[in-house]
Protein backbone atom coordinates (compact mmCIF):
# COMPACT_ATOMS: atom_id res chain seq x y z
CA MET A 1 3.29 14.56 -15.30
CA SER A 2 4.87 13.04 -12.21
CA SER A 3 6.21 9.67 -11.27
CA PRO A 4 4.80 8.40 -7.97
CA MET A 5 6.97 9.17 -4.97
CA SER A 6 8.49 6.24 -3.09
CA ALA A 7 6.64 4.80 -0.11
CA SER A 8 9.33 6.19 2.20
CA THR A 9 8.97 9.68 0.70
CA PHE A 10 5.17 9.43 1.07
CA LEU A 11 5.49 8.51 4.74
CA LYS A 12 7.99 11.32 5.39
CA ALA A 13 5.82 13.87 3.57
CA LEU A 14 2.81 13.04 5.75
CA LYS A 15 4.84 13.23 8.96
CA ASP A 16 6.55 16.45 7.87
CA GLU A 17 3.09 17.99 7.40
CA GLY A 18 2.42 17.29 11.08
CA LEU A 19 0.24 14.19 10.76
CA THR A 20 0.16 11.22 13.10
CA VAL A 21 0.66 8.18 10.88
CA VAL A 22 -0.19 4.55 11.65
CA GLN A 23 1.54 2.00 9.43
CA VAL A 24 -0.68 -1.02 8.85
CA GLY A 25 1.06 -4.30 8.05
CA ASP A 26 2.86 -4.54 4.71
CA TRP A 27 1.34 -1.29 3.40
CA ARG A 28 4.46 -0.41 1.36
CA THR A 29 4.00 -3.41 -0.95
CA HIS A 30 0.26 -4.00 -0.62
CA ASN A 31 -1.22 -2.88 -3.97
CA ARG A 32 -2.99 -3.80 -7.19
CA ASN A 33 0.01 -3.21 -9.47
CA HIS A 34 -0.57 -6.56 -11.19
CA LYS A 35 -3.81 -5.12 -12.63
CA GLY A 36 -2.22 -2.17 -14.40
CA PRO A 37 0.26 0.67 -14.12
CA TRP A 38 0.62 3.08 -11.21
CA GLY A 39 1.47 6.49 -12.60
CA PRO A 40 2.06 8.95 -13.96
CA VAL A 41 0.24 10.57 -11.05
CA HIS A 42 -1.65 13.82 -11.43
CA GLY A 43 -3.57 14.44 -8.21
CA VAL A 44 -5.20 13.43 -4.95
CA MET A 45 -8.73 12.03 -4.65
CA LEU A 46 -10.80 12.22 -1.47
CA HIS A 47 -13.56 9.79 -0.46
CA HIS A 48 -15.79 8.90 2.45
CA THR A 49 -16.00 5.30 3.61
CA VAL A 50 -19.70 4.76 4.52
CA THR A 51 -18.43 2.89 7.60
CA LYS A 52 -18.39 3.42 11.36
CA GLY A 53 -15.55 2.57 13.71
CA THR A 54 -11.91 3.14 12.90
CA ALA A 55 -10.68 -0.45 13.30
CA ARG A 56 -13.36 -1.86 11.01
CA THR A 57 -12.90 0.99 8.52
CA VAL A 58 -9.16 0.41 8.30
CA GLU A 59 -9.69 -3.34 7.89
CA ILE A 60 -12.16 -2.86 5.02
CA CYS A 61 -9.93 -0.31 3.28
CA ARG A 62 -6.95 -2.63 3.58
CA ASP A 63 -8.61 -5.90 2.62
CA GLY A 64 -11.52 -4.77 0.45
CA TYR A 65 -14.68 -6.82 0.19
CA SER A 66 -16.44 -9.22 -2.17
CA GLY A 67 -16.22 -7.80 -5.67
CA LEU A 68 -13.64 -5.14 -4.82
CA PRO A 69 -10.31 -6.37 -3.46
CA GLY A 70 -8.12 -4.13 -1.35
CA PRO A 71 -6.36 -1.96 -0.83
CA LEU A 72 -9.12 0.59 -1.42
CA CYS A 73 -6.87 3.62 -0.89
CA HIS A 74 -3.41 4.65 0.24
CA GLY A 75 -4.44 6.15 3.56
CA VAL A 76 -7.50 6.09 5.82
CA ILE A 77 -8.11 9.37 7.65
CA ALA A 78 -9.84 8.52 10.91
CA LYS A 79 -12.20 10.66 12.96
CA ASP A 80 -9.34 11.38 15.40
CA GLY A 81 -7.15 12.74 12.59
CA ARG A 82 -4.71 9.84 12.43
CA VAL A 83 -3.78 8.58 8.96
CA HIS A 84 -3.63 4.79 8.65
CA LEU A 85 -1.50 3.68 5.70
CA VAL A 86 -3.00 0.52 4.17
CA GLY A 87 -1.47 0.31 0.69
CA TYR A 88 0.96 1.88 -1.72
CA GLY A 89 0.95 1.72 -5.48
CA ARG A 90 -2.13 1.11 -7.55
CA THR A 91 -5.21 0.89 -5.29
CA ASN A 92 -8.92 0.34 -5.96
CA HIS A 93 -10.23 3.77 -5.02
CA ALA A 94 -10.96 5.91 -8.07
CA GLY A 95 -12.32 3.57 -10.71
CA TYR A 96 -13.10 4.93 -14.15
CA GLY A 97 -13.92 8.61 -14.50
CA ASP A 98 -14.00 11.54 -16.88
CA ASP A 99 -11.00 12.28 -19.11
CA ASP A 100 -12.02 15.96 -19.27
CA VAL A 101 -11.75 16.12 -15.47
CA LEU A 102 -8.30 14.52 -15.60
CA ARG A 103 -7.14 17.10 -18.17
CA ALA A 104 -8.41 19.90 -15.90
CA VAL A 105 -6.57 18.41 -12.91
CA VAL A 106 -3.34 18.16 -14.90
CA ALA A 107 -3.72 21.79 -16.04
CA GLU A 108 -4.93 22.85 -12.56
CA LYS A 109 -7.97 24.49 -14.14
CA ARG A 110 -11.62 24.68 -13.07
CA LEU A 111 -13.25 21.26 -13.18
CA PRO A 112 -15.86 20.49 -15.83
CA SER A 113 -18.90 18.39 -14.99
CA ASP A 114 -18.11 14.68 -14.92
CA ASN A 115 -20.34 13.10 -17.53
CA GLU A 116 -18.50 9.95 -18.61
CA SER A 117 -16.37 7.14 -17.21
CA ASN A 118 -13.65 6.43 -19.76
CA THR A 119 -10.36 6.93 -17.92
CA ASP A 120 -8.57 4.78 -15.31
CA GLY A 121 -8.30 6.89 -12.16
CA ASN A 122 -6.56 4.21 -10.08
CA ARG A 123 -3.51 4.79 -12.24
CA HIS A 124 -3.37 8.56 -11.81
CA PHE A 125 -4.53 9.51 -8.29
CA TYR A 126 -3.40 9.10 -4.72
CA GLY A 127 -6.47 8.16 -2.68
CA PHE A 128 -7.52 8.97 0.88
CA GLU A 129 -10.61 7.35 2.38
CA CYS A 130 -12.10 9.42 5.21
CA GLU A 131 -14.01 7.65 7.98
CA ASN A 132 -17.60 8.92 7.69
CA LEU A 133 -21.03 7.41 7.06
CA GLY A 134 -21.53 9.82 4.16
CA ASP A 135 -25.17 10.37 5.04
CA GLY A 136 -24.85 14.14 5.44
CA LYS A 137 -25.50 13.78 9.19
CA ASP A 138 -22.36 12.06 10.47
CA PRO A 139 -20.12 14.88 11.71
CA TRP A 140 -16.69 15.75 10.39
CA PRO A 141 -14.58 16.62 13.46
CA ALA A 142 -12.28 19.62 13.04
CA VAL A 143 -9.25 17.42 13.71
CA GLN A 144 -10.28 15.10 10.87
CA LEU A 145 -10.82 17.93 8.39
CA GLU A 146 -7.44 19.34 9.35
CA ALA A 147 -5.89 15.93 8.67
CA VAL A 148 -7.59 15.77 5.26
CA GLU A 149 -6.14 19.20 4.47
CA LYS A 150 -2.67 18.20 5.68
CA ALA A 151 -2.61 14.84 3.88
CA ALA A 152 -3.62 16.33 0.54
CA ALA A 153 -1.21 19.23 0.98
CA ALA A 154 1.63 16.85 1.84
CA VAL A 155 1.25 15.04 -1.48
CA CYS A 156 0.86 18.28 -3.41
CA ARG A 157 3.96 19.74 -1.76
CA VAL A 158 6.18 16.86 -2.89
CA HIS A 159 4.92 17.02 -6.48
CA GLY A 160 4.82 20.82 -6.76
CA TRP A 161 1.04 20.81 -7.24
CA ASP A 162 -1.47 23.33 -5.90
CA ALA A 163 -4.98 22.76 -4.54
CA PRO A 164 -6.68 22.28 -7.97
CA SER A 165 -4.90 18.91 -8.08
CA VAL A 166 -7.16 17.71 -5.24
CA ILE A 167 -10.62 16.44 -6.17
CA GLY A 168 -13.50 14.55 -4.64
CA HIS A 169 -14.66 11.21 -6.01
CA ARG A 170 -17.97 12.95 -6.78
CA GLU A 171 -16.11 15.27 -9.17
CA TRP A 172 -14.49 12.37 -11.01
CA GLN A 173 -17.12 9.70 -11.58
CA PRO A 174 -20.79 10.26 -12.47
CA GLY A 175 -23.15 9.02 -9.75
CA LYS A 176 -20.67 9.27 -6.89
CA VAL A 177 -21.48 11.55 -3.95
CA ASP A 178 -18.34 11.31 -1.85
CA PRO A 179 -16.98 12.95 0.10
CA ARG A 180 -20.32 14.17 1.42
CA GLY A 181 -20.52 16.60 4.29
CA PHE A 182 -17.93 19.22 3.42
CA SER A 183 -17.30 21.51 0.48
CA MET A 184 -14.54 20.52 -1.94
CA THR A 185 -14.12 24.19 -2.86
CA GLY A 186 -13.66 25.02 0.81
CA MET A 187 -11.20 22.17 1.28
CA ARG A 188 -9.19 23.27 -1.77
CA ASN A 189 -9.06 26.80 -0.32
CA ARG A 190 -7.65 25.38 2.92
CA ILE A 191 -5.08 23.33 1.02
CA HIS A 192 -4.07 26.32 -1.07
CA ASP A 193 -3.57 28.42 2.06
CA ARG A 194 -1.48 25.69 3.65
CA LEU A 195 0.75 25.46 0.60
CA LYS A 196 1.52 29.21 0.52
């Protein structure tokens, strides 16, 4: 069980991991904390955006859209590998997912199949949205995948977590397919190697 790190610690952790960070507006205080608690935190969740164009992607992830107000994540990982910080605190990225998956993340054990949506993930996960159409055809540039690895590792490093604390949205909530286009097992292996 971990308390969320401060916004300043989050920013420093990302930079210390070698990432180029873009701070967007009032990201440090832009959140959904009035809708429920933020923390304890247990892991990192990865997503794809189903959008094209970095500026538009960042705008959507910061502001949200009809029916789902922003911020929709903590950081947007663009195709060029830059991480755009759009919110900090509780964000609308994880939704409700499987309590058995959460227990596995906490224990850093193999994930069970997600077959129910009974647990508030927005409370417990840092979220990174990755700019990609999510159609299985839109490429994932090497620099972007490296940034995904670094961003997840940065959070894990601060909290003393290892790669099993990083999951895809598709592993959390039934019916979700994101992030589509790369292997979560492969990404966790990369994160584990970086944390050695």
